[in-house]
């Protein structure tokens, strides 16, 4: 089990957070998450995370990033479903 040692705001995007983990010995960077994922899972300092939950958080964060890219792409003008799918496939 890993424990969250600290949570910091990312420099370039204030809506994303860095999660630092410790296994009892040393602190290492774990992963970054969007604020929606942070809030929905109520992540906080000293919370224990198992590997399954970490994978779930990373998956939800990936989905959130994809959603944000699609919304940004739509903000310029109306797009068809095909345009959005092609754009997201290009971005992987």
PDB file of N, CA and C in Angstrom:
ATOM      1  N   UNK A   1       0.836  -1.187   0.000  1.00  0.00           N
ATOM      2  CA  UNK A   1       0.000   0.000   0.000  1.00  0.00           C
ATOM      3  C   UNK A   1       0.878   1.245   0.000  1.00  0.00           C
ATOM      4  N   UNK A   2       0.445   2.193  -0.786  1.00  0.00           N
ATOM      5  CA  UNK A   2       1.151   3.471  -0.823  1.00  0.00           C
ATOM      6  C   UNK A   2       0.270   4.514  -0.162  1.00  0.00           C
ATOM      7  N   UNK A   3       0.903   5.529   0.359  1.00  0.00           N
ATOM      8  CA  UNK A   3       0.187   6.584   1.069  1.00  0.00           C
ATOM      9  C   UNK A   3       0.482   7.922   0.388  1.00  0.00           C
ATOM     10  N   UNK A   4      -0.522   8.770   0.276  1.00  0.00           N
ATOM     11  CA  UNK A   4      -0.340  10.105  -0.300  1.00  0.00           C
ATOM     12  C   UNK A   4       0.424  10.946   0.714  1.00  0.00           C
ATOM     13  N   UNK A   5       1.596  11.446   0.306  1.00  0.00           N
ATOM     14  CA  UNK A   5       2.396  12.261   1.216  1.00  0.00           C
ATOM     15  C   UNK A   5       2.116  13.753   1.051  1.00  0.00           C
ATOM     16  N   UNK A   6       1.804  14.162  -0.181  1.00  0.00           N
ATOM     17  CA  UNK A   6       1.416  15.561  -0.403  1.00  0.00           C
ATOM     18  C   UNK A   6       0.736  15.716  -1.752  1.00  0.00           C
ATOM     19  N   UNK A   7      -0.025  16.801  -1.874  1.00  0.00           N
ATOM     20  CA  UNK A   7      -0.745  17.130  -3.098  1.00  0.00           C
ATOM     21  C   UNK A   7      -0.411  18.586  -3.424  1.00  0.00           C
ATOM     22  N   UNK A   8       0.085  18.822  -4.642  1.00  0.00           N
ATOM     23  CA  UNK A   8       0.439  20.181  -5.048  1.00  0.00           C
ATOM     24  C   UNK A   8      -0.252  20.542  -6.358  1.00  0.00           C
ATOM     25  N   UNK A   9      -0.427  21.834  -6.581  1.00  0.00           N
ATOM     26  CA  UNK A   9      -1.011  22.333  -7.821  1.00  0.00           C
ATOM     27  C   UNK A   9       0.075  22.351  -8.892  1.00  0.00           C
ATOM     28  N   UNK A  10      -0.280  21.942 -10.119  1.00  0.00           N
ATOM     29  CA  UNK A  10       0.693  21.979 -11.209  1.00  0.00           C
ATOM     30  C   UNK A  10       0.937  23.420 -11.632  1.00  0.00           C
ATOM     31  N   UNK A  11       2.151  23.712 -12.085  1.00  0.00           N
ATOM     32  CA  UNK A  11       2.520  25.078 -12.440  1.00  0.00           C
ATOM     33  C   UNK A  11       1.777  25.607 -13.656  1.00  0.00           C
ATOM     34  N   UNK A  12       1.670  24.806 -14.722  1.00  0.00           N
ATOM     35  CA  UNK A  12       1.092  25.290 -15.975  1.00  0.00           C
ATOM     36  C   UNK A  12      -0.422  25.195 -16.040  1.00  0.00           C
ATOM     37  N   UNK A  13      -1.034  24.385 -15.192  1.00  0.00           N
ATOM     38  CA  UNK A  13      -2.479  24.208 -15.218  1.00  0.00           C
ATOM     39  C   UNK A  13      -2.998  24.144 -13.785  1.00  0.00           C
ATOM     40  N   UNK A  14      -3.629  25.222 -13.300  1.00  0.00           N
ATOM     41  CA  UNK A  14      -4.089  25.234 -11.907  1.00  0.00           C
ATOM     42  C   UNK A  14      -5.273  24.298 -11.642  1.00  0.00           C
ATOM     43  N   UNK A  15      -5.805  23.649 -12.671  1.00  0.00           N
ATOM     44  CA  UNK A  15      -6.919  22.711 -12.499  1.00  0.00           C
ATOM     45  C   UNK A  15      -6.430  21.272 -12.409  1.00  0.00           C
ATOM     46  N   UNK A  16      -5.105  21.078 -12.386  1.00  0.00           N
ATOM     47  CA  UNK A  16      -4.521  19.741 -12.256  1.00  0.00           C
ATOM     48  C   UNK A  16      -3.609  19.708 -11.031  1.00  0.00           C
ATOM     49  N   UNK A  17      -3.505  18.544 -10.428  1.00  0.00           N
ATOM     50  CA  UNK A  17      -2.749  18.404  -9.193  1.00  0.00           C
ATOM     51  C   UNK A  17      -1.748  17.262  -9.294  1.00  0.00           C
ATOM     52  N   UNK A  18      -0.586  17.425  -8.650  1.00  0.00           N
ATOM     53  CA  UNK A  18       0.427  16.383  -8.559  1.00  0.00           C
ATOM     54  C   UNK A  18       0.198  15.614  -7.263  1.00  0.00           C
ATOM     55  N   UNK A  19       0.191  14.294  -7.371  1.00  0.00           N
ATOM     56  CA  UNK A  19       0.040  13.428  -6.202  1.00  0.00           C
ATOM     57  C   UNK A  19       1.395  12.774  -5.936  1.00  0.00           C
ATOM     58  N   UNK A  20       1.940  12.998  -4.755  1.00  0.00           N
ATOM     59  CA  UNK A  20       3.198  12.394  -4.348  1.00  0.00           C
ATOM     60  C   UNK A  20       2.899  11.258  -3.384  1.00  0.00           C
ATOM     61  N   UNK A  21       3.550  10.119  -3.611  1.00  0.00           N
ATOM     62  CA  UNK A  21       3.304   8.926  -2.818  1.00  0.00           C
ATOM     63  C   UNK A  21       4.542   8.541  -2.026  1.00  0.00           C
ATOM     64  N   UNK A  22       4.310   7.874  -0.912  1.00  0.00           N
ATOM     65  CA  UNK A  22       5.400   7.336  -0.116  1.00  0.00           C
ATOM     66  C   UNK A  22       5.061   5.895   0.247  1.00  0.00           C
ATOM     67  N   UNK A  23       6.073   5.062   0.284  1.00  0.00           N
ATOM     68  CA  UNK A  23       5.878   3.681   0.692  1.00  0.00           C
ATOM     69  C   UNK A  23       6.462   3.457   2.089  1.00  0.00           C
ATOM     70  N   UNK A  24       6.632   4.527   2.817  1.00  0.00           N
ATOM     71  CA  UNK A  24       7.176   4.453   4.161  1.00  0.00           C
ATOM     72  C   UNK A  24       8.620   4.901   4.248  1.00  0.00           C
ATOM     73  N   UNK A  25       9.324   4.878   3.126  1.00  0.00           N
ATOM     74  CA  UNK A  25      10.741   5.220   3.146  1.00  0.00           C
ATOM     75  C   UNK A  25      11.014   6.561   2.483  1.00  0.00           C
ATOM     76  N   UNK A  26      10.653   6.662   1.205  1.00  0.00           N
ATOM     77  CA  UNK A  26      10.958   7.897   0.486  1.00  0.00           C
ATOM     78  C   UNK A  26       9.752   8.353  -0.319  1.00  0.00           C
ATOM     79  N   UNK A  27       9.684   9.650  -0.528  1.00  0.00           N
ATOM     80  CA  UNK A  27       8.589  10.247  -1.290  1.00  0.00           C
ATOM     81  C   UNK A  27       8.952  10.286  -2.770  1.00  0.00           C
ATOM     82  N   UNK A  28       8.008   9.882  -3.621  1.00  0.00           N
ATOM     83  CA  UNK A  28       8.202   9.938  -5.062  1.00  0.00           C
ATOM     84  C   UNK A  28       6.952  10.503  -5.708  1.00  0.00           C
ATOM     85  N   UNK A  29       7.147  11.068  -6.904  1.00  0.00           N
ATOM     86  CA  UNK A  29       5.995  11.546  -7.671  1.00  0.00           C
ATOM     87  C   UNK A  29       5.189  10.335  -8.105  1.00  0.00           C
ATOM     88  N   UNK A  30       3.891  10.363  -7.849  1.00  0.00           N
ATOM     89  CA  UNK A  30       3.031   9.255  -8.230  1.00  0.00           C
ATOM     90  C   UNK A  30       2.392   9.473  -9.580  1.00  0.00           C
ATOM     91  N   UNK A  31       1.561  10.515  -9.679  1.00  0.00           N
ATOM     92  CA  UNK A  31       0.834  10.815 -10.907  1.00  0.00           C
ATOM     93  C   UNK A  31       0.151  12.164 -10.768  1.00  0.00           C
ATOM     94  N   UNK A  32      -0.370  12.671 -11.875  1.00  0.00           N
ATOM     95  CA  UNK A  32      -1.122  13.903 -11.886  1.00  0.00           C
ATOM     96  C   UNK A  32      -2.590  13.599 -12.144  1.00  0.00           C
ATOM     97  N   UNK A  33      -3.477  14.378 -11.515  1.00  0.00           N
ATOM     98  CA  UNK A  33      -4.913  14.188 -11.726  1.00  0.00           C
ATOM     99  C   UNK A  33      -5.601  15.533 -11.911  1.00  0.00           C
ATOM    100  N   UNK A  34      -6.730  15.483 -12.590  1.00  0.00           N
ATOM    101  CA  UNK A  34      -7.577  16.650 -12.768  1.00  0.00           C
ATOM    102  C   UNK A  34      -8.323  16.929 -11.461  1.00  0.00           C
ATOM    103  N   UNK A  35      -8.744  18.178 -11.256  1.00  0.00           N
ATOM    104  CA  UNK A  35      -9.412  18.516 -10.010  1.00  0.00           C
ATOM    105  C   UNK A  35     -10.726  17.760  -9.827  1.00  0.00           C
ATOM    106  N   UNK A  36     -11.422  17.427 -10.919  1.00  0.00           N
ATOM    107  CA  UNK A  36     -12.669  16.667 -10.808  1.00  0.00           C
ATOM    108  C   UNK A  36     -12.419  15.272 -10.239  1.00  0.00           C
ATOM    109  N   UNK A  37     -11.340  14.636 -10.663  1.00  0.00           N
ATOM    110  CA  UNK A  37     -10.986  13.306 -10.155  1.00  0.00           C
ATOM    111  C   UNK A  37     -10.565  13.414  -8.691  1.00  0.00           C
ATOM    112  N   UNK A  38      -9.802  14.442  -8.365  1.00  0.00           N
ATOM    113  CA  UNK A  38      -9.346  14.661  -6.993  1.00  0.00           C
ATOM    114  C   UNK A  38     -10.535  14.810  -6.049  1.00  0.00           C
ATOM    115  N   UNK A  39     -11.520  15.598  -6.471  1.00  0.00           N
ATOM    116  CA  UNK A  39     -12.686  15.861  -5.625  1.00  0.00           C
ATOM    117  C   UNK A  39     -13.604  14.649  -5.563  1.00  0.00           C
ATOM    118  N   UNK A  40     -13.852  14.008  -6.698  1.00  0.00           N
ATOM    119  CA  UNK A  40     -14.807  12.899  -6.706  1.00  0.00           C
ATOM    120  C   UNK A  40     -14.328  11.710  -5.863  1.00  0.00           C
ATOM    121  N   UNK A  41     -13.014  11.523  -5.752  1.00  0.00           N
ATOM    122  CA  UNK A  41     -12.478  10.432  -4.941  1.00  0.00           C
ATOM    123  C   UNK A  41     -12.028  10.902  -3.554  1.00  0.00           C
ATOM    124  N   UNK A  42     -12.216  12.179  -3.295  1.00  0.00           N
ATOM    125  CA  UNK A  42     -11.862  12.772  -2.002  1.00  0.00           C
ATOM    126  C   UNK A  42     -10.430  12.416  -1.592  1.00  0.00           C
ATOM    127  N   UNK A  43      -9.514  12.644  -2.514  1.00  0.00           N
ATOM    128  CA  UNK A  43      -8.110  12.345  -2.239  1.00  0.00           C
ATOM    129  C   UNK A  43      -7.549  13.378  -1.276  1.00  0.00           C
ATOM    130  N   UNK A  44      -6.838  12.910  -0.260  1.00  0.00           N
ATOM    131  CA  UNK A  44      -6.245  13.819   0.709  1.00  0.00           C
ATOM    132  C   UNK A  44      -4.952  13.227   1.271  1.00  0.00           C
ATOM    133  N   UNK A  45      -4.198  14.057   1.916  1.00  0.00           N
ATOM    134  CA  UNK A  45      -2.917  13.652   2.489  1.00  0.00           C
ATOM    135  C   UNK A  45      -3.124  12.505   3.478  1.00  0.00           C
ATOM    136  N   UNK A  46      -2.175  11.571   3.472  1.00  0.00           N
ATOM    137  CA  UNK A  46      -2.147  10.390   4.345  1.00  0.00           C
ATOM    138  C   UNK A  46      -3.178   9.320   3.985  1.00  0.00           C
ATOM    139  N   UNK A  47      -3.864   9.475   2.863  1.00  0.00           N
ATOM    140  CA  UNK A  47      -4.807   8.448   2.425  1.00  0.00           C
ATOM    141  C   UNK A  47      -4.033   7.300   1.784  1.00  0.00           C
ATOM    142  N   UNK A  48      -4.426   6.072   2.082  1.00  0.00           N
ATOM    143  CA  UNK A  48      -3.759   4.910   1.508  1.00  0.00           C
ATOM    144  C   UNK A  48      -4.417   4.534   0.182  1.00  0.00           C
ATOM    145  N   UNK A  49      -3.565   4.207  -0.809  1.00  0.00           N
ATOM    146  CA  UNK A  49      -4.043   3.816  -2.134  1.00  0.00           C
ATOM    147  C   UNK A  49      -3.458   2.456  -2.487  1.00  0.00           C
ATOM    148  N   UNK A  50      -4.301   1.564  -2.988  1.00  0.00           N
ATOM    149  CA  UNK A  50      -3.779   0.298  -3.486  1.00  0.00           C
ATOM    150  C   UNK A  50      -3.616   0.405  -5.003  1.00  0.00           C
ATOM    151  N   UNK A  51      -2.975  -0.579  -5.604  1.00  0.00           N
ATOM    152  CA  UNK A  51      -2.676  -0.537  -7.050  1.00  0.00           C
ATOM    153  C   UNK A  51      -3.947  -0.454  -7.893  1.00  0.00           C
ATOM    154  N   UNK A  52      -5.017  -1.131  -7.470  1.00  0.00           N
ATOM    155  CA  UNK A  52      -6.279  -1.096  -8.206  1.00  0.00           C
ATOM    156  C   UNK A  52      -6.877   0.298  -8.245  1.00  0.00           C
ATOM    157  N   UNK A  53      -6.837   0.992  -7.119  1.00  0.00           N
ATOM    158  CA  UNK A  53      -7.380   2.349  -7.064  1.00  0.00           C
ATOM    159  C   UNK A  53      -6.521   3.310  -7.877  1.00  0.00           C
ATOM    160  N   UNK A  54      -5.216   3.128  -7.846  1.00  0.00           N
ATOM    161  CA  UNK A  54      -4.328   3.989  -8.637  1.00  0.00           C
ATOM    162  C   UNK A  54      -4.625   3.827 -10.122  1.00  0.00           C
ATOM    163  N   UNK A  55      -4.814   2.581 -10.578  1.00  0.00           N
ATOM    164  CA  UNK A  55      -5.159   2.342 -11.983  1.00  0.00           C
ATOM    165  C   UNK A  55      -6.489   2.993 -12.339  1.00  0.00           C
ATOM    166  N   UNK A  56      -7.459   2.897 -11.430  1.00  0.00           N
ATOM    167  CA  UNK A  56      -8.776   3.506 -11.661  1.00  0.00           C
ATOM    168  C   UNK A  56      -8.657   5.029 -11.752  1.00  0.00           C
ATOM    169  N   UNK A  57      -7.844   5.625 -10.890  1.00  0.00           N
ATOM    170  CA  UNK A  57      -7.643   7.078 -10.917  1.00  0.00           C
ATOM    171  C   UNK A  57      -6.997   7.516 -12.226  1.00  0.00           C
ATOM    172  N   UNK A  58      -6.000   6.762 -12.672  1.00  0.00           N
ATOM    173  CA  UNK A  58      -5.321   7.100 -13.928  1.00  0.00           C
ATOM    174  C   UNK A  58      -6.265   6.965 -15.119  1.00  0.00           C
ATOM    175  N   UNK A  59      -7.129   5.956 -15.090  1.00  0.00           N
ATOM    176  CA  UNK A  59      -8.100   5.762 -16.163  1.00  0.00           C
ATOM    177  C   UNK A  59      -9.099   6.913 -16.198  1.00  0.00           C
ATOM    178  N   UNK A  60      -9.619   7.290 -15.030  1.00  0.00           N
ATOM    179  CA  UNK A  60     -10.570   8.402 -14.968  1.00  0.00           C
ATOM    180  C   UNK A  60      -9.918   9.713 -15.379  1.00  0.00           C
ATOM    181  N   UNK A  61      -8.647   9.893 -15.015  1.00  0.00           N
ATOM    182  CA  UNK A  61      -7.937  11.105 -15.401  1.00  0.00           C
ATOM    183  C   UNK A  61      -7.753  11.162 -16.914  1.00  0.00           C
ATOM    184  N   UNK A  62      -7.456  10.028 -17.522  1.00  0.00           N
ATOM    185  CA  UNK A  62      -7.315   9.963 -18.975  1.00  0.00           C
ATOM    186  C   UNK A  62      -8.632  10.327 -19.661  1.00  0.00           C
ATOM    187  N   UNK A  63      -9.732   9.817 -19.132  1.00  0.00           N
ATOM    188  CA  UNK A  63     -11.048  10.139 -19.670  1.00  0.00           C
ATOM    189  C   UNK A  63     -11.343  11.630 -19.514  1.00  0.00           C
ATOM    190  N   UNK A  64     -10.976  12.192 -18.373  1.00  0.00           N
ATOM    191  CA  UNK A  64     -11.197  13.622 -18.124  1.00  0.00           C
ATOM    192  C   UNK A  64     -10.373  14.487 -19.078  1.00  0.00           C
ATOM    193  N   UNK A  65      -9.125  14.082 -19.350  1.00  0.00           N
ATOM    194  CA  UNK A  65      -8.281  14.820 -20.298  1.00  0.00           C
ATOM    195  C   UNK A  65      -8.879  14.780 -21.698  1.00  0.00           C
ATOM    196  N   UNK A  66      -9.386  13.616 -22.097  1.00  0.00           N
ATOM    197  CA  UNK A  66     -10.008  13.466 -23.412  1.00  0.00           C
ATOM    198  C   UNK A  66     -11.238  14.356 -23.519  1.00  0.00           C
ATOM    199  N   UNK A  67     -12.049  14.378 -22.479  1.00  0.00           N
ATOM    200  CA  UNK A  67     -13.243  15.218 -22.451  1.00  0.00           C
ATOM    201  C   UNK A  67     -12.859  16.698 -22.576  1.00  0.00           C
ATOM    202  N   UNK A  68     -11.833  17.123 -21.847  1.00  0.00           N
ATOM    203  CA  UNK A  68     -11.390  18.516 -21.899  1.00  0.00           C
ATOM    204  C   UNK A  68     -10.876  18.887 -23.291  1.00  0.00           C
ATOM    205  N   UNK A  69     -10.144  17.958 -23.941  1.00  0.00           N
ATOM    206  CA  UNK A  69      -9.656  18.215 -25.303  1.00  0.00           C
ATOM    207  C   UNK A  69     -10.821  18.351 -26.276  1.00  0.00           C
ATOM    208  N   UNK A  70     -11.829  17.504 -26.134  1.00  0.00           N
ATOM    209  CA  UNK A  70     -12.998  17.570 -27.022  1.00  0.00           C
ATOM    210  C   UNK A  70     -13.754  18.880 -26.827  1.00  0.00           C
ATOM    211  N   UNK A  71     -13.942  19.296 -25.585  1.00  0.00           N
ATOM    212  CA  UNK A  71     -14.634  20.560 -25.308  1.00  0.00           C
ATOM    213  C   UNK A  71     -13.849  21.736 -25.868  1.00  0.00           C
ATOM    214  N   UNK A  72     -12.542  21.718 -25.713  1.00  0.00           N
ATOM    215  CA  UNK A  72     -11.707  22.784 -26.259  1.00  0.00           C
ATOM    216  C   UNK A  72     -11.809  22.823 -27.781  1.00  0.00           C
ATOM    217  N   UNK A  73     -11.790  21.656 -28.411  1.00  0.00           N
ATOM    218  CA  UNK A  73     -11.901  21.568 -29.872  1.00  0.00           C
ATOM    219  C   UNK A  73     -13.250  22.095 -30.341  1.00  0.00           C
ATOM    220  N   UNK A  74     -14.293  21.834 -29.570  1.00  0.00           N
ATOM    221  CA  UNK A  74     -15.636  22.315 -29.925  1.00  0.00           C
ATOM    222  C   UNK A  74     -15.810  23.810 -29.663  1.00  0.00           C
ATOM    223  N   UNK A  75     -14.952  24.396 -28.858  1.00  0.00           N
ATOM    224  CA  UNK A  75     -15.134  25.796 -28.482  1.00  0.00           C
ATOM    225  C   UNK A  75     -14.908  26.756 -29.647  1.00  0.00           C
ATOM    226  N   UNK A  76     -14.213  26.309 -30.681  1.00  0.00           N
ATOM    227  CA  UNK A  76     -13.927  27.190 -31.803  1.00  0.00           C
ATOM    228  C   UNK A  76     -15.093  27.293 -32.782  1.00  0.00           C
ATOM    229  N   UNK A  77     -15.757  26.169 -33.037  1.00  0.00           N
ATOM    230  CA  UNK A  77     -16.937  26.152 -33.908  1.00  0.00           C
ATOM    231  C   UNK A  77     -17.622  24.801 -33.767  1.00  0.00           C
ATOM    232  N   UNK A  78     -18.816  24.693 -34.343  1.00  0.00           N
ATOM    233  CA  UNK A  78     -19.543  23.423 -34.305  1.00  0.00           C
ATOM    234  C   UNK A  78     -18.773  22.381 -35.119  1.00  0.00           C
ATOM    235  N   UNK A  79     -18.749  21.158 -34.612  1.00  0.00           N
ATOM    236  CA  UNK A  79     -18.046  20.069 -35.288  1.00  0.00           C
ATOM    237  C   UNK A  79     -18.976  18.868 -35.394  1.00  0.00           C
ATOM    238  N   UNK A  80     -18.737  18.046 -36.406  1.00  0.00           N
ATOM    239  CA  UNK A  80     -19.504  16.812 -36.530  1.00  0.00           C
ATOM    240  C   UNK A  80     -18.883  15.744 -35.619  1.00  0.00           C
ATOM    241  N   UNK A  81     -19.612  14.670 -35.382  1.00  0.00           N
ATOM    242  CA  UNK A  81     -19.080  13.576 -34.572  1.00  0.00           C
ATOM    243  C   UNK A  81     -17.817  13.007 -35.192  1.00  0.00           C
ATOM    244  N   UNK A  82     -17.821  12.899 -36.511  1.00  0.00           N
ATOM    245  CA  UNK A  82     -16.659  12.340 -37.211  1.00  0.00           C
ATOM    246  C   UNK A  82     -15.434  13.229 -37.001  1.00  0.00           C
ATOM    247  N   UNK A  83     -15.612  14.549 -37.083  1.00  0.00           N
ATOM    248  CA  UNK A  83     -14.486  15.462 -36.872  1.00  0.00           C
ATOM    249  C   UNK A  83     -13.905  15.286 -35.465  1.00  0.00           C
ATOM    250  N   UNK A  84     -14.776  15.171 -34.481  1.00  0.00           N
ATOM    251  CA  UNK A  84     -14.315  15.019 -33.100  1.00  0.00           C
ATOM    252  C   UNK A  84     -13.591  13.690 -32.924  1.00  0.00           C
ATOM    253  N   UNK A  85     -14.169  12.610 -33.456  1.00  0.00           N
ATOM    254  CA  UNK A  85     -13.528  11.298 -33.352  1.00  0.00           C
ATOM    255  C   UNK A  85     -12.165  11.303 -34.033  1.00  0.00           C
ATOM    256  N   UNK A  86     -12.092  11.902 -35.237  1.00  0.00           N
ATOM    257  CA  UNK A  86     -10.820  11.964 -35.955  1.00  0.00           C
ATOM    258  C   UNK A  86      -9.786  12.768 -35.171  1.00  0.00           C
ATOM    259  N   UNK A  87     -10.220  13.889 -34.598  1.00  0.00           N
ATOM    260  CA  UNK A  87      -9.323  14.734 -33.825  1.00  0.00           C
ATOM    261  C   UNK A  87      -8.781  13.988 -32.598  1.00  0.00           C
ATOM    262  N   UNK A  88      -9.659  13.304 -31.889  1.00  0.00           N
ATOM    263  CA  UNK A  88      -9.235  12.588 -30.679  1.00  0.00           C
ATOM    264  C   UNK A  88      -8.354  11.380 -31.044  1.00  0.00           C
ATOM    265  N   UNK A  89      -8.652  10.717 -32.139  1.00  0.00           N
ATOM    266  CA  UNK A  89      -7.813   9.603 -32.572  1.00  0.00           C
ATOM    267  C   UNK A  89      -6.412  10.086 -32.955  1.00  0.00           C
ATOM    268  N   UNK A  90      -6.361  11.276 -33.581  1.00  0.00           N
ATOM    269  CA  UNK A  90      -5.075  11.862 -33.949  1.00  0.00           C
ATOM    270  C   UNK A  90      -4.264  12.211 -32.688  1.00  0.00           C
ATOM    271  N   UNK A  91      -4.951  12.658 -31.654  1.00  0.00           N
ATOM    272  CA  UNK A  91      -4.291  13.021 -30.402  1.00  0.00           C
ATOM    273  C   UNK A  91      -4.012  11.807 -29.509  1.00  0.00           C
ATOM    274  N   UNK A  92      -4.631  10.691 -29.820  1.00  0.00           N
ATOM    275  CA  UNK A  92      -4.532   9.438 -29.060  1.00  0.00           C
ATOM    276  C   UNK A  92      -5.007   9.624 -27.664  1.00  0.00           C
TER     277      UNK A  92
END
